[in-house]
N, C-alpha and C. Protein backbone atom coordinates (compact mmCIF):
# COMPACT_ATOMS: atom_id res chain seq x y z
N MET A 1 0.82 -1.19 0.00
CA MET A 1 0.00 0.00 0.00
C MET A 1 0.86 1.26 0.00
N LYS A 2 1.95 1.22 0.78
CA LYS A 2 2.85 2.38 0.84
C LYS A 2 3.50 2.62 -0.52
N LYS A 3 3.82 1.52 -1.23
CA LYS A 3 4.45 1.67 -2.55
C LYS A 3 3.48 2.32 -3.53
N ILE A 4 2.22 1.95 -3.49
CA ILE A 4 1.23 2.52 -4.39
C ILE A 4 1.06 4.01 -4.10
N LEU A 5 1.01 4.36 -2.83
CA LEU A 5 0.88 5.76 -2.43
C LEU A 5 2.10 6.56 -2.89
N LEU A 6 3.28 6.01 -2.72
CA LEU A 6 4.51 6.68 -3.12
C LEU A 6 4.55 6.87 -4.64
N VAL A 7 4.17 5.87 -5.39
CA VAL A 7 4.14 5.96 -6.85
C VAL A 7 3.12 7.03 -7.28
N GLY A 8 1.97 7.07 -6.62
CA GLY A 8 0.95 8.07 -6.92
C GLY A 8 1.45 9.48 -6.69
N ILE A 9 2.14 9.71 -5.59
CA ILE A 9 2.69 11.03 -5.28
C ILE A 9 3.75 11.41 -6.30
N LEU A 10 4.60 10.48 -6.67
CA LEU A 10 5.62 10.75 -7.67
C LEU A 10 5.01 11.10 -9.03
N LEU A 11 3.95 10.41 -9.41
CA LEU A 11 3.29 10.70 -10.68
C LEU A 11 2.65 12.08 -10.67
N LEU A 12 2.03 12.46 -9.55
CA LEU A 12 1.44 13.80 -9.44
C LEU A 12 2.51 14.88 -9.55
N ASN A 13 3.65 14.66 -8.91
CA ASN A 13 4.75 15.62 -9.01
C ASN A 13 5.27 15.71 -10.44
N LEU A 14 5.35 14.59 -11.13
CA LEU A 14 5.80 14.57 -12.52
C LEU A 14 4.85 15.35 -13.41
N VAL A 15 3.55 15.20 -13.19
CA VAL A 15 2.55 15.94 -13.97
C VAL A 15 2.69 17.44 -13.72
N ALA A 16 2.89 17.84 -12.47
CA ALA A 16 3.05 19.27 -12.13
C ALA A 16 4.31 19.84 -12.78
N VAL A 17 5.40 19.10 -12.75
CA VAL A 17 6.65 19.57 -13.37
C VAL A 17 6.48 19.67 -14.88
N GLN A 18 5.79 18.71 -15.48
CA GLN A 18 5.56 18.72 -16.92
C GLN A 18 4.73 19.93 -17.33
N ALA A 19 3.69 20.28 -16.55
CA ALA A 19 2.85 21.44 -16.87
C ALA A 19 3.65 22.72 -16.85
N THR A 20 4.58 22.84 -15.92
CA THR A 20 5.43 24.02 -15.84
C THR A 20 6.45 24.04 -16.97
N ALA A 21 7.03 22.90 -17.29
CA ALA A 21 8.08 22.82 -18.31
C ALA A 21 7.56 23.19 -19.70
N GLN A 22 6.29 22.94 -19.96
CA GLN A 22 5.73 23.25 -21.26
C GLN A 22 5.70 24.75 -21.53
N CYS A 23 5.70 25.54 -20.50
CA CYS A 23 5.54 26.99 -20.63
C CYS A 23 6.60 27.75 -19.84
N GLU A 24 7.76 27.20 -19.66
CA GLU A 24 8.73 27.67 -18.68
C GLU A 24 9.16 29.13 -18.79
N THR A 25 9.09 29.76 -19.94
CA THR A 25 9.54 31.15 -20.04
C THR A 25 8.44 32.12 -20.48
N THR A 26 7.20 31.71 -20.38
CA THR A 26 6.10 32.58 -20.82
C THR A 26 6.07 33.88 -20.05
N HIS A 27 6.42 33.87 -18.77
CA HIS A 27 6.39 35.11 -17.99
C HIS A 27 7.33 36.18 -18.57
N LEU A 28 8.37 35.76 -19.27
CA LEU A 28 9.29 36.73 -19.89
C LEU A 28 8.66 37.41 -21.11
N LEU A 29 7.63 36.80 -21.70
CA LEU A 29 6.91 37.44 -22.80
C LEU A 29 6.21 38.72 -22.34
N CYS A 30 5.89 38.80 -21.05
CA CYS A 30 5.20 39.99 -20.52
C CYS A 30 6.05 41.25 -20.69
N LYS A 31 7.36 41.10 -20.78
CA LYS A 31 8.23 42.27 -20.97
C LYS A 31 8.01 42.92 -22.33
N LYS A 32 7.52 42.16 -23.31
CA LYS A 32 7.26 42.72 -24.63
C LYS A 32 6.17 43.78 -24.60
N GLN A 33 5.31 43.73 -23.58
CA GLN A 33 4.23 44.70 -23.44
C GLN A 33 4.72 46.06 -22.97
N LEU A 34 5.92 46.09 -22.37
CA LEU A 34 6.41 47.29 -21.70
C LEU A 34 7.07 48.26 -22.68
N SER A 35 6.99 49.54 -22.36
CA SER A 35 7.66 50.57 -23.16
C SER A 35 9.17 50.50 -22.93
N LYS A 36 9.93 51.19 -23.76
CA LYS A 36 11.38 51.22 -23.59
C LYS A 36 11.76 51.81 -22.24
N GLU A 37 11.04 52.84 -21.81
CA GLU A 37 11.31 53.47 -20.52
C GLU A 37 11.05 52.50 -19.37
N ASP A 38 9.95 51.77 -19.47
CA ASP A 38 9.61 50.79 -18.43
C ASP A 38 10.66 49.68 -18.36
N LYS A 39 11.19 49.28 -19.50
CA LYS A 39 12.20 48.22 -19.53
C LYS A 39 13.52 48.66 -18.92
N LYS A 40 13.80 49.96 -18.95
CA LYS A 40 15.06 50.47 -18.44
C LYS A 40 14.97 50.94 -16.98
N ALA A 41 13.93 50.63 -16.28
CA ALA A 41 13.67 51.19 -14.95
C ALA A 41 14.29 50.40 -13.80
N ASN A 42 15.32 49.60 -14.05
CA ASN A 42 16.05 48.86 -13.00
C ASN A 42 15.19 47.91 -12.17
N TRP A 43 14.35 47.15 -12.83
CA TRP A 43 13.55 46.14 -12.16
C TRP A 43 14.28 44.80 -12.23
N ASN A 44 14.15 44.00 -11.18
CA ASN A 44 14.73 42.65 -11.12
C ASN A 44 13.59 41.63 -11.18
N VAL A 45 13.76 40.60 -11.99
CA VAL A 45 12.75 39.54 -12.05
C VAL A 45 12.73 38.81 -10.71
N ASN A 46 11.54 38.73 -10.12
CA ASN A 46 11.36 38.10 -8.82
C ASN A 46 11.20 36.59 -8.98
N GLN A 47 11.70 35.84 -8.01
CA GLN A 47 11.63 34.37 -8.05
C GLN A 47 10.19 33.85 -8.01
N GLN A 48 9.24 34.69 -7.63
CA GLN A 48 7.84 34.26 -7.58
C GLN A 48 7.16 34.31 -8.95
N SER A 49 7.86 34.80 -9.98
CA SER A 49 7.30 34.82 -11.33
C SER A 49 7.01 33.37 -11.74
N GLN A 50 5.93 33.19 -12.50
CA GLN A 50 5.52 31.84 -12.86
C GLN A 50 5.06 31.76 -14.31
N SER A 51 5.22 30.58 -14.88
CA SER A 51 4.68 30.26 -16.19
C SER A 51 4.01 28.90 -16.08
N GLU A 52 2.77 28.83 -16.51
CA GLU A 52 1.99 27.59 -16.37
C GLU A 52 1.14 27.37 -17.61
N SER A 53 0.78 26.13 -17.85
CA SER A 53 -0.23 25.84 -18.86
C SER A 53 -1.57 25.78 -18.13
N VAL A 54 -2.55 26.51 -18.66
CA VAL A 54 -3.85 26.62 -18.01
C VAL A 54 -4.94 26.45 -19.06
N GLU A 55 -6.03 25.83 -18.66
CA GLU A 55 -7.14 25.60 -19.58
C GLU A 55 -7.81 26.90 -19.96
N LYS A 56 -8.14 27.05 -21.24
CA LYS A 56 -8.82 28.24 -21.74
C LYS A 56 -10.15 28.44 -21.03
N GLY A 57 -10.51 29.70 -20.81
CA GLY A 57 -11.81 30.04 -20.23
C GLY A 57 -11.90 29.82 -18.73
N THR A 58 -10.80 29.55 -18.06
CA THR A 58 -10.84 29.33 -16.61
C THR A 58 -10.14 30.48 -15.89
N GLU A 59 -10.15 30.41 -14.57
CA GLU A 59 -9.42 31.37 -13.75
C GLU A 59 -8.23 30.67 -13.12
N TYR A 60 -7.13 31.38 -13.08
CA TYR A 60 -5.88 30.89 -12.50
C TYR A 60 -5.60 31.76 -11.29
N GLU A 61 -5.42 31.14 -10.13
CA GLU A 61 -5.21 31.90 -8.91
C GLU A 61 -3.90 31.51 -8.25
N LEU A 62 -3.24 32.51 -7.69
CA LEU A 62 -2.02 32.27 -6.94
C LEU A 62 -1.83 33.42 -5.97
N PHE A 63 -0.86 33.30 -5.10
CA PHE A 63 -0.56 34.41 -4.20
C PHE A 63 0.91 34.75 -4.31
N VAL A 64 1.20 36.01 -4.00
CA VAL A 64 2.58 36.49 -3.97
C VAL A 64 2.81 37.14 -2.61
N THR A 65 4.02 37.04 -2.13
CA THR A 65 4.39 37.66 -0.88
C THR A 65 5.19 38.91 -1.18
N ALA A 66 4.73 40.03 -0.64
CA ALA A 66 5.45 41.31 -0.81
C ALA A 66 6.20 41.59 0.49
N TYR A 67 7.44 42.02 0.35
CA TYR A 67 8.29 42.28 1.50
C TYR A 67 8.49 43.78 1.70
N LYS A 68 8.60 44.16 2.96
CA LYS A 68 8.82 45.55 3.32
C LYS A 68 10.12 46.05 2.66
N GLY A 69 10.07 47.30 2.18
CA GLY A 69 11.26 47.90 1.58
C GLY A 69 11.42 47.65 0.10
N LEU A 70 10.46 46.93 -0.51
CA LEU A 70 10.53 46.66 -1.95
C LEU A 70 9.28 47.19 -2.64
N GLU A 71 9.46 47.63 -3.87
CA GLU A 71 8.37 48.04 -4.73
C GLU A 71 8.22 46.93 -5.78
N TYR A 72 6.99 46.65 -6.17
CA TYR A 72 6.74 45.55 -7.10
C TYR A 72 6.02 46.04 -8.35
N ARG A 73 6.32 45.38 -9.46
CA ARG A 73 5.60 45.59 -10.71
C ARG A 73 5.12 44.21 -11.16
N LEU A 74 3.82 44.10 -11.37
CA LEU A 74 3.20 42.82 -11.72
C LEU A 74 2.53 42.95 -13.07
N SER A 75 2.87 42.05 -13.99
CA SER A 75 2.21 42.00 -15.28
C SER A 75 1.87 40.55 -15.61
N VAL A 76 0.82 40.37 -16.40
CA VAL A 76 0.33 39.04 -16.72
C VAL A 76 0.08 38.98 -18.22
N CYS A 77 0.49 37.86 -18.84
CA CYS A 77 0.26 37.70 -20.27
C CYS A 77 0.07 36.22 -20.60
N THR A 78 -0.40 35.98 -21.82
CA THR A 78 -0.50 34.62 -22.34
C THR A 78 0.41 34.52 -23.55
N ASP A 79 0.64 33.32 -24.02
CA ASP A 79 1.47 33.15 -25.22
C ASP A 79 0.65 33.23 -26.50
N ILE A 80 -0.63 33.61 -26.38
CA ILE A 80 -1.46 33.82 -27.57
C ILE A 80 -0.94 35.07 -28.26
N GLY A 81 -0.59 34.96 -29.51
CA GLY A 81 -0.09 36.10 -30.26
C GLY A 81 1.27 36.59 -29.78
N GLY A 82 2.00 35.77 -29.05
CA GLY A 82 3.35 36.12 -28.64
C GLY A 82 3.45 37.04 -27.43
N GLY A 83 2.45 37.02 -26.56
CA GLY A 83 2.52 37.83 -25.34
C GLY A 83 1.33 38.74 -25.15
N THR A 84 0.14 38.23 -25.37
CA THR A 84 -1.08 39.01 -25.24
C THR A 84 -1.39 39.28 -23.77
N PRO A 85 -1.71 40.53 -23.40
CA PRO A 85 -2.08 40.82 -22.01
C PRO A 85 -3.32 40.03 -21.61
N ALA A 86 -3.44 39.75 -20.32
CA ALA A 86 -4.58 39.00 -19.81
C ALA A 86 -5.28 39.82 -18.74
N ASN A 87 -6.57 39.56 -18.55
CA ASN A 87 -7.31 40.21 -17.47
C ASN A 87 -6.84 39.64 -16.14
N PHE A 88 -6.58 40.54 -15.16
CA PHE A 88 -6.19 40.06 -13.84
C PHE A 88 -6.63 41.03 -12.75
N GLN A 89 -6.76 40.48 -11.57
CA GLN A 89 -7.11 41.25 -10.38
C GLN A 89 -6.08 40.97 -9.30
N LEU A 90 -5.68 42.02 -8.61
CA LEU A 90 -4.80 41.90 -7.46
C LEU A 90 -5.63 42.26 -6.24
N SER A 91 -5.60 41.40 -5.23
CA SER A 91 -6.39 41.65 -4.03
C SER A 91 -5.59 41.28 -2.79
N GLN A 92 -6.12 41.69 -1.65
CA GLN A 92 -5.50 41.33 -0.38
C GLN A 92 -6.57 41.23 0.68
N ASP A 93 -6.26 40.49 1.73
CA ASP A 93 -7.17 40.35 2.85
C ASP A 93 -7.05 41.56 3.76
N MET A 94 -8.21 42.08 4.16
CA MET A 94 -8.24 43.23 5.06
C MET A 94 -9.24 42.96 6.17
N MET A 95 -8.96 43.53 7.33
CA MET A 95 -9.87 43.41 8.46
C MET A 95 -10.89 44.55 8.36
N VAL A 96 -12.18 44.19 8.37
CA VAL A 96 -13.25 45.19 8.28
C VAL A 96 -14.27 44.95 9.37
N THR A 97 -14.92 46.02 9.77
CA THR A 97 -15.98 45.92 10.76
C THR A 97 -17.29 45.66 10.03
N VAL A 98 -17.99 44.60 10.43
CA VAL A 98 -19.25 44.21 9.81
C VAL A 98 -20.35 44.28 10.86
N THR A 99 -21.45 44.92 10.51
CA THR A 99 -22.59 45.02 11.41
C THR A 99 -23.70 44.14 10.87
N ASP A 100 -24.22 43.24 11.71
CA ASP A 100 -25.29 42.35 11.27
C ASP A 100 -26.64 43.06 11.42
N SER A 101 -27.72 42.37 11.05
CA SER A 101 -29.07 42.97 11.06
C SER A 101 -29.54 43.33 12.47
N SER A 102 -28.95 42.76 13.51
CA SER A 102 -29.31 43.07 14.90
C SER A 102 -28.53 44.25 15.45
N GLY A 103 -27.61 44.80 14.64
CA GLY A 103 -26.80 45.92 15.09
C GLY A 103 -25.51 45.52 15.79
N ASN A 104 -25.22 44.23 15.84
CA ASN A 104 -23.97 43.76 16.46
C ASN A 104 -22.82 43.91 15.47
N SER A 105 -21.71 44.43 15.95
CA SER A 105 -20.53 44.61 15.11
C SER A 105 -19.45 43.60 15.48
N ASN A 106 -18.79 43.11 14.47
CA ASN A 106 -17.62 42.27 14.69
C ASN A 106 -16.62 42.51 13.56
N ILE A 107 -15.41 42.11 13.80
CA ILE A 107 -14.35 42.30 12.81
C ILE A 107 -14.14 41.00 12.06
N GLN A 108 -14.12 41.11 10.73
CA GLN A 108 -13.95 39.95 9.87
C GLN A 108 -12.86 40.22 8.84
N LYS A 109 -12.25 39.17 8.40
CA LYS A 109 -11.27 39.28 7.32
C LYS A 109 -12.01 39.10 6.00
N GLN A 110 -11.82 40.06 5.09
CA GLN A 110 -12.45 39.99 3.77
C GLN A 110 -11.42 40.30 2.70
N ARG A 111 -11.56 39.64 1.58
CA ARG A 111 -10.66 39.89 0.46
C ARG A 111 -11.18 41.09 -0.33
N LYS A 112 -10.29 42.06 -0.56
CA LYS A 112 -10.67 43.27 -1.27
C LYS A 112 -9.80 43.41 -2.51
N VAL A 113 -10.44 43.64 -3.67
CA VAL A 113 -9.72 43.85 -4.92
C VAL A 113 -9.13 45.26 -4.87
N ILE A 114 -7.80 45.34 -5.06
CA ILE A 114 -7.14 46.65 -5.05
C ILE A 114 -6.73 47.10 -6.45
N PHE A 115 -6.78 46.19 -7.41
CA PHE A 115 -6.50 46.54 -8.80
C PHE A 115 -7.19 45.54 -9.71
N ASP A 116 -7.83 46.05 -10.76
CA ASP A 116 -8.49 45.19 -11.75
C ASP A 116 -8.25 45.81 -13.12
N ASN A 117 -7.41 45.18 -13.93
CA ASN A 117 -7.09 45.78 -15.22
C ASN A 117 -8.22 45.63 -16.24
N SER A 118 -9.22 44.80 -15.97
CA SER A 118 -10.32 44.64 -16.92
C SER A 118 -11.27 45.84 -16.89
N THR A 119 -11.21 46.66 -15.84
CA THR A 119 -12.07 47.84 -15.80
C THR A 119 -11.64 48.89 -16.81
N ASN A 120 -10.40 48.81 -17.28
CA ASN A 120 -9.90 49.74 -18.28
C ASN A 120 -9.61 49.04 -19.60
N GLU A 121 -10.35 47.98 -19.87
CA GLU A 121 -10.22 47.21 -21.12
C GLU A 121 -8.77 46.80 -21.40
N ASN A 122 -8.07 46.35 -20.38
CA ASN A 122 -6.69 45.88 -20.47
C ASN A 122 -5.71 46.96 -20.92
N THR A 123 -6.05 48.23 -20.77
CA THR A 123 -5.11 49.27 -21.17
C THR A 123 -3.97 49.40 -20.17
N GLU A 124 -4.20 49.00 -18.93
CA GLU A 124 -3.14 49.00 -17.94
C GLU A 124 -2.49 47.63 -17.97
N LEU A 125 -1.24 47.60 -18.43
CA LEU A 125 -0.56 46.33 -18.65
C LEU A 125 0.09 45.78 -17.39
N TYR A 126 0.28 46.63 -16.39
CA TYR A 126 0.89 46.18 -15.15
C TYR A 126 0.38 47.03 -14.00
N VAL A 127 0.66 46.56 -12.80
CA VAL A 127 0.30 47.31 -11.60
C VAL A 127 1.56 47.45 -10.74
N LEU A 128 1.73 48.62 -10.16
CA LEU A 128 2.81 48.87 -9.22
C LEU A 128 2.22 48.84 -7.82
N PHE A 129 2.93 48.20 -6.89
CA PHE A 129 2.46 48.19 -5.51
C PHE A 129 3.64 47.98 -4.58
N ARG A 130 3.43 48.33 -3.32
CA ARG A 130 4.43 48.10 -2.28
C ARG A 130 3.68 47.84 -0.99
N SER A 131 4.42 47.40 -0.01
CA SER A 131 3.81 47.08 1.27
C SER A 131 4.65 47.67 2.40
N ASN A 132 3.97 48.11 3.45
CA ASN A 132 4.67 48.65 4.63
C ASN A 132 5.19 47.54 5.53
N LYS A 133 4.78 46.33 5.25
CA LYS A 133 5.22 45.17 6.01
C LYS A 133 5.14 43.95 5.08
N THR A 134 5.71 42.85 5.50
CA THR A 134 5.61 41.63 4.70
C THR A 134 4.17 41.14 4.74
N GLU A 135 3.56 40.97 3.57
CA GLU A 135 2.18 40.51 3.52
C GLU A 135 1.89 39.79 2.21
N LYS A 136 0.77 39.11 2.21
CA LYS A 136 0.35 38.27 1.09
C LYS A 136 -0.66 39.01 0.22
N PHE A 137 -0.46 38.94 -1.09
CA PHE A 137 -1.40 39.47 -2.07
C PHE A 137 -1.88 38.30 -2.92
N TYR A 138 -3.10 38.41 -3.43
CA TYR A 138 -3.70 37.35 -4.22
C TYR A 138 -3.92 37.83 -5.65
N LEU A 139 -3.62 36.96 -6.59
CA LEU A 139 -3.76 37.29 -8.00
C LEU A 139 -4.73 36.31 -8.64
N THR A 140 -5.72 36.85 -9.35
CA THR A 140 -6.67 36.04 -10.10
C THR A 140 -6.57 36.44 -11.56
N VAL A 141 -6.26 35.48 -12.41
CA VAL A 141 -6.09 35.73 -13.85
C VAL A 141 -7.24 35.03 -14.58
N THR A 142 -7.91 35.78 -15.44
CA THR A 142 -8.96 35.20 -16.28
C THR A 142 -8.33 34.81 -17.61
N ILE A 143 -8.34 33.52 -17.88
CA ILE A 143 -7.71 32.99 -19.08
C ILE A 143 -8.66 33.17 -20.27
N PRO A 144 -8.17 33.73 -21.39
CA PRO A 144 -9.04 33.89 -22.57
C PRO A 144 -9.59 32.53 -23.02
N SER A 145 -10.80 32.56 -23.54
CA SER A 145 -11.42 31.30 -23.98
C SER A 145 -11.12 31.01 -25.45
N THR A 146 -10.53 31.97 -26.16
CA THR A 146 -10.19 31.78 -27.57
C THR A 146 -8.72 32.11 -27.79
N GLY A 147 -8.24 31.73 -28.93
CA GLY A 147 -6.85 31.98 -29.29
C GLY A 147 -6.04 30.70 -29.25
N LYS A 148 -4.95 30.71 -29.97
CA LYS A 148 -4.11 29.52 -30.07
C LYS A 148 -2.78 29.77 -29.37
N SER A 149 -2.37 28.81 -28.57
CA SER A 149 -1.10 28.90 -27.88
C SER A 149 0.05 28.82 -28.87
N ALA A 150 1.08 29.60 -28.63
CA ALA A 150 2.27 29.57 -29.49
C ALA A 150 3.19 28.40 -29.14
N SER A 151 2.95 27.77 -27.99
CA SER A 151 3.81 26.68 -27.54
C SER A 151 3.55 25.40 -28.34
N LYS A 152 4.60 24.85 -28.87
CA LYS A 152 4.49 23.57 -29.60
C LYS A 152 4.50 22.39 -28.63
N LYS A 153 4.83 22.67 -27.36
CA LYS A 153 4.93 21.60 -26.37
C LYS A 153 3.57 21.19 -25.80
N LEU A 154 2.56 22.07 -25.91
CA LEU A 154 1.24 21.74 -25.38
C LEU A 154 0.58 20.71 -26.28
N LYS A 155 0.09 19.66 -25.67
CA LYS A 155 -0.51 18.58 -26.45
C LYS A 155 -1.98 18.84 -26.75
N SER A 156 -2.63 19.69 -25.94
CA SER A 156 -4.05 19.96 -26.12
C SER A 156 -4.26 21.41 -26.55
N THR A 157 -5.16 21.63 -27.49
CA THR A 157 -5.49 22.99 -27.92
C THR A 157 -6.41 23.68 -26.94
N ASP A 158 -6.83 22.97 -25.90
CA ASP A 158 -7.69 23.56 -24.86
C ASP A 158 -6.88 24.33 -23.83
N PHE A 159 -5.56 24.36 -23.96
CA PHE A 159 -4.68 25.01 -22.99
C PHE A 159 -3.85 26.10 -23.67
N VAL A 160 -3.47 27.09 -22.87
CA VAL A 160 -2.54 28.13 -23.30
C VAL A 160 -1.51 28.31 -22.19
N CYS A 161 -0.41 28.93 -22.53
CA CYS A 161 0.61 29.25 -21.54
C CYS A 161 0.31 30.63 -20.96
N VAL A 162 0.37 30.73 -19.65
CA VAL A 162 0.13 31.98 -18.94
C VAL A 162 1.40 32.35 -18.19
N GLY A 163 1.79 33.60 -18.29
CA GLY A 163 2.97 34.08 -17.59
C GLY A 163 2.60 35.17 -16.59
N VAL A 164 3.11 35.03 -15.38
CA VAL A 164 2.95 36.05 -14.34
C VAL A 164 4.35 36.56 -14.05
N LEU A 165 4.61 37.80 -14.47
CA LEU A 165 5.92 38.41 -14.27
C LEU A 165 5.84 39.34 -13.07
N LEU A 166 6.56 38.98 -12.02
CA LEU A 166 6.66 39.81 -10.83
C LEU A 166 8.09 40.33 -10.77
N GLU A 167 8.22 41.64 -10.74
CA GLU A 167 9.53 42.27 -10.68
C GLU A 167 9.60 43.11 -9.41
N HIS A 168 10.80 43.33 -8.91
CA HIS A 168 10.95 44.13 -7.70
C HIS A 168 12.17 45.03 -7.78
N ARG A 169 12.18 46.03 -6.93
CA ARG A 169 13.33 46.91 -6.74
C ARG A 169 13.20 47.55 -5.36
N LYS A 170 14.31 48.01 -4.85
CA LYS A 170 14.28 48.67 -3.54
C LYS A 170 13.45 49.94 -3.64
N THR A 171 12.68 50.19 -2.59
CA THR A 171 11.86 51.38 -2.53
C THR A 171 12.75 52.60 -2.38
N LYS A 172 12.45 53.61 -3.16
CA LYS A 172 13.20 54.86 -3.06
C LYS A 172 12.75 55.59 -1.79
N LYS A 173 13.70 56.09 -1.02
CA LYS A 173 13.38 56.81 0.21
C LYS A 173 12.82 58.17 -0.16
N SER A 174 11.77 58.57 0.56
CA SER A 174 11.19 59.88 0.30
C SER A 174 11.98 60.96 1.03
N ALA A 175 11.85 62.19 0.57
CA ALA A 175 12.61 63.30 1.14
C ALA A 175 11.90 63.92 2.35
N LEU A 176 10.86 63.31 2.85
CA LEU A 176 10.12 63.87 4.00
C LEU A 176 10.83 63.68 5.28
């Protein structure tokens, strides 16, 4: 029984590695969306950047950790057309006071969207953000339901490669 369980775990890991390997550099396609000035702005590719094969018409969710003292630039693209921007939302958990119908108040954690590029018809190709402390942000990417992946490694036409490019740089100190 232990051998079967071990073989099952190994096969699942192999499938996960294969899904990543098919699209391993898609996140670098997101740089094609940037202007020359944006490309020269001393950003470093963050280790949390990801490239995955994802089924068309679905949502892809992940989280990123932002550290104090760093500024981040986040962009998302697919390999459709060689780096097409994708709809995405950046959100974070916040503590809010909620009052029920009886007038009782309590504090609850709720996820709040802090950026949504689909509200501007994808005209905003990236979002800049920073944090005053180390905290978790959540990213939800809406995968296009049409278009053909440029990757020859994908075996199914129902999938495309999605790239999440997270870049960072030290926060500039203010003169205050």
